[in-house]
Amino acid sequence: FVGAIKPECKDIHKYIREPGFFAGLKPLDGALETLEKLRKIKELDIVICTAVSSPHGAAEKLAWHKKNLGFLDKRSLFIGKRKELIAAKFYIDDSPENHKAIRNHNGGMPYLLTILYPYNEETSDLVDVRAGSWRETRRAWEEFHQHIVEYLDDVNSI
């Protein structure tokens, strides 16, 4: 993923590793509302998988989870780089590396959803749903909800 960063953005990793970076992040517009709606679907258990890039990253992400995702079970947070090892029917992820790892590890089985970003266009053939755009995240999260509900309806009607 580091090789995919444009030269003018090469210092991004420096900022991500600074203390307080994750603690100050705001949730993507529409994400919390969609996760709250998905949480109410009895067939789903929501698991948040996140990697860390600094010694203080895990503590900050745990605090962020508690502050912003308090409606989810506190045991729903997994911190680690290898997201593909979590058995899931659905993955929502923006990283091209994770798209590749999920498909390589799990084949076509999980339903893979992503928000359209310039840096993940290269893996469009690996994802099932490329929703909205990074400029319209609320719409993307609404699309995720719609696709997941439709998928579950199709599976349950068989």
Protein backbone atom coordinates (compact mmCIF):
# COMPACT_ATOMS: atom_id res chain seq x y z
CA PHE A 1 0.00 0.00 0.00
CA VAL A 2 2.88 2.37 0.71
CA GLY A 3 3.89 2.22 -2.97
CA ALA A 4 0.39 3.40 -3.96
CA ILE A 5 0.77 6.72 -2.14
CA LYS A 6 1.31 9.72 -4.37
CA PRO A 7 4.60 11.58 -3.77
CA GLU A 8 2.78 14.66 -2.49
CA CYS A 9 1.07 12.50 0.16
CA LYS A 10 4.14 10.56 1.32
CA ASP A 11 4.09 12.13 4.78
CA ILE A 12 0.65 10.69 5.55
CA HIS A 13 2.19 7.85 7.59
CA LYS A 14 3.96 10.40 9.77
CA TYR A 15 0.62 12.00 10.67
CA ILE A 16 -1.13 8.68 11.23
CA ARG A 17 1.54 7.72 13.77
CA GLU A 18 1.28 10.96 15.78
CA PRO A 19 -0.34 10.68 19.22
CA GLY A 20 -3.93 11.85 19.14
CA PHE A 21 -4.48 11.25 15.42
CA PHE A 22 -7.11 8.51 15.80
CA ALA A 23 -8.68 9.97 18.90
CA GLY A 24 -9.58 13.11 16.94
CA LEU A 25 -11.06 11.41 13.87
CA LYS A 26 -14.74 11.92 13.16
CA PRO A 27 -16.83 8.99 11.92
CA LEU A 28 -17.61 8.95 8.21
CA ASP A 29 -20.91 10.64 7.50
CA GLY A 30 -23.64 7.99 7.57
CA ALA A 31 -21.51 5.20 9.04
CA LEU A 32 -22.83 5.23 12.60
CA GLU A 33 -26.47 5.39 11.53
CA THR A 34 -26.00 2.50 9.11
CA LEU A 35 -24.16 0.37 11.66
CA GLU A 36 -26.96 1.06 14.16
CA LYS A 37 -29.55 -0.16 11.61
CA LEU A 38 -27.47 -3.22 10.73
CA ARG A 39 -27.04 -4.04 14.41
CA LYS A 40 -30.80 -4.54 14.66
CA ILE A 41 -30.79 -7.33 12.05
CA LYS A 42 -30.80 -10.56 14.04
CA GLU A 43 -28.74 -12.51 11.46
CA LEU A 44 -25.81 -10.09 11.81
CA ASP A 45 -23.07 -9.72 14.36
CA ILE A 46 -21.05 -6.60 13.65
CA VAL A 47 -17.31 -6.87 14.15
CA ILE A 48 -14.96 -3.93 13.75
CA CYS A 49 -11.48 -4.99 12.58
CA THR A 50 -8.79 -2.35 12.65
CA ALA A 51 -5.04 -2.31 12.30
CA VAL A 52 -2.65 -0.09 14.21
CA SER A 53 0.33 1.81 12.92
CA SER A 54 1.80 3.18 16.15
CA PRO A 55 2.44 2.10 19.75
CA HIS A 56 -0.47 4.27 20.99
CA GLY A 57 -2.80 3.38 18.08
CA ALA A 58 -4.52 0.46 19.81
CA ALA A 59 -5.42 2.49 22.90
CA GLU A 60 -6.69 5.37 20.75
CA LYS A 61 -8.78 3.08 18.57
CA LEU A 62 -10.24 1.36 21.62
CA ALA A 63 -11.21 4.75 23.08
CA TRP A 64 -12.64 5.84 19.70
CA HIS A 65 -14.69 2.64 19.52
CA LYS A 66 -16.05 3.20 23.02
CA LYS A 67 -16.91 6.86 22.29
CA ASN A 68 -18.46 6.42 18.84
CA LEU A 69 -19.64 2.82 18.71
CA GLY A 70 -20.95 2.39 22.24
CA PHE A 71 -24.09 0.75 20.84
CA LEU A 72 -21.96 -2.22 19.76
CA ASP A 73 -20.79 -4.91 22.14
CA LYS A 74 -17.36 -3.98 23.47
CA ARG A 75 -16.14 -7.41 22.39
CA SER A 76 -16.87 -6.49 18.77
CA LEU A 77 -13.51 -4.76 18.27
CA PHE A 78 -10.57 -6.75 16.92
CA ILE A 79 -7.23 -5.06 16.51
CA GLY A 80 -4.88 -6.64 14.00
CA LYS A 81 -3.64 -6.34 10.45
CA ARG A 82 -4.91 -9.67 9.06
CA LYS A 83 -8.61 -8.85 8.63
CA GLU A 84 -9.08 -11.70 6.19
CA LEU A 85 -8.68 -14.16 9.09
CA ILE A 86 -11.99 -13.01 10.59
CA ALA A 87 -14.71 -15.28 9.21
CA ALA A 88 -17.45 -13.04 7.86
CA LYS A 89 -20.27 -12.95 5.32
CA PHE A 90 -19.69 -9.25 4.68
CA TYR A 91 -16.60 -7.07 4.71
CA ILE A 92 -16.72 -3.30 4.39
CA ASP A 93 -13.20 -2.12 3.67
CA ASP A 94 -11.48 0.50 1.51
CA SER A 95 -7.95 -0.92 1.35
CA PRO A 96 -6.80 -2.54 -1.90
CA GLU A 97 -4.42 -4.72 0.13
CA ASN A 98 -7.32 -5.97 2.24
CA HIS A 99 -9.46 -6.59 -0.86
CA LYS A 100 -6.70 -8.81 -2.26
CA ALA A 101 -6.07 -10.58 1.05
CA ILE A 102 -9.78 -11.25 1.64
CA ARG A 103 -10.22 -12.70 -1.84
CA ASN A 104 -6.98 -14.73 -1.68
CA HIS A 105 -7.88 -16.18 1.71
CA ASN A 106 -11.63 -16.57 1.34
CA GLY A 107 -12.20 -16.82 -2.42
CA GLY A 108 -15.53 -15.49 -3.62
CA MET A 109 -17.34 -16.33 -0.40
CA PRO A 110 -17.62 -13.06 1.53
CA TYR A 111 -19.61 -10.17 0.11
CA LEU A 112 -17.07 -7.36 -0.20
CA LEU A 113 -18.21 -3.73 -0.11
CA THR A 114 -16.13 -0.58 -0.44
CA ILE A 115 -16.47 3.16 -0.78
CA LEU A 116 -15.06 4.44 -4.04
CA TYR A 117 -11.72 6.17 -3.46
CA PRO A 118 -9.09 7.00 -6.09
CA TYR A 119 -6.60 4.66 -4.40
CA ASN A 120 -8.83 1.57 -4.54
CA GLU A 121 -9.90 1.68 -8.19
CA GLU A 122 -7.31 -1.00 -9.00
CA THR A 123 -9.28 -3.63 -7.07
CA SER A 124 -12.74 -2.88 -8.47
CA ASP A 125 -12.85 -6.37 -9.98
CA LEU A 126 -12.46 -7.91 -6.50
CA VAL A 127 -15.34 -6.14 -4.76
CA ASP A 128 -19.04 -6.87 -5.02
CA VAL A 129 -20.22 -3.33 -4.30
CA ARG A 130 -18.39 -0.04 -4.91
CA ALA A 131 -20.73 2.45 -3.30
CA GLY A 132 -20.92 6.22 -3.48
CA SER A 133 -17.65 8.02 -3.25
CA TRP A 134 -15.33 9.42 -0.64
CA ARG A 135 -17.12 12.73 -1.13
CA GLU A 136 -20.56 11.23 -0.42
CA THR A 137 -20.01 8.72 2.35
CA ARG A 138 -23.58 8.96 3.67
CA ARG A 139 -24.89 7.73 0.34
CA ALA A 140 -22.28 4.96 0.29
CA TRP A 141 -23.26 3.71 3.74
CA GLU A 142 -26.95 3.79 2.77
CA GLU A 143 -26.07 1.70 -0.28
CA PHE A 144 -24.20 -0.77 1.95
CA HIS A 145 -27.30 -1.16 4.12
CA GLN A 146 -29.50 -1.68 1.07
CA HIS A 147 -27.19 -4.29 -0.49
CA ILE A 148 -26.76 -6.23 2.75
CA VAL A 149 -30.50 -6.31 3.41
CA GLU A 150 -31.21 -7.40 -0.18
CA TYR A 151 -28.51 -10.09 0.03
CA LEU A 152 -29.97 -11.45 3.27
CA ASP A 153 -33.50 -11.37 1.82
CA ASP A 154 -32.29 -13.37 -1.21
CA VAL A 155 -30.48 -15.92 0.96
CA ASN A 156 -33.45 -16.29 3.32
CA SER A 157 -35.89 -16.80 0.45
CA ILE A 158 -33.99 -19.85 -0.85
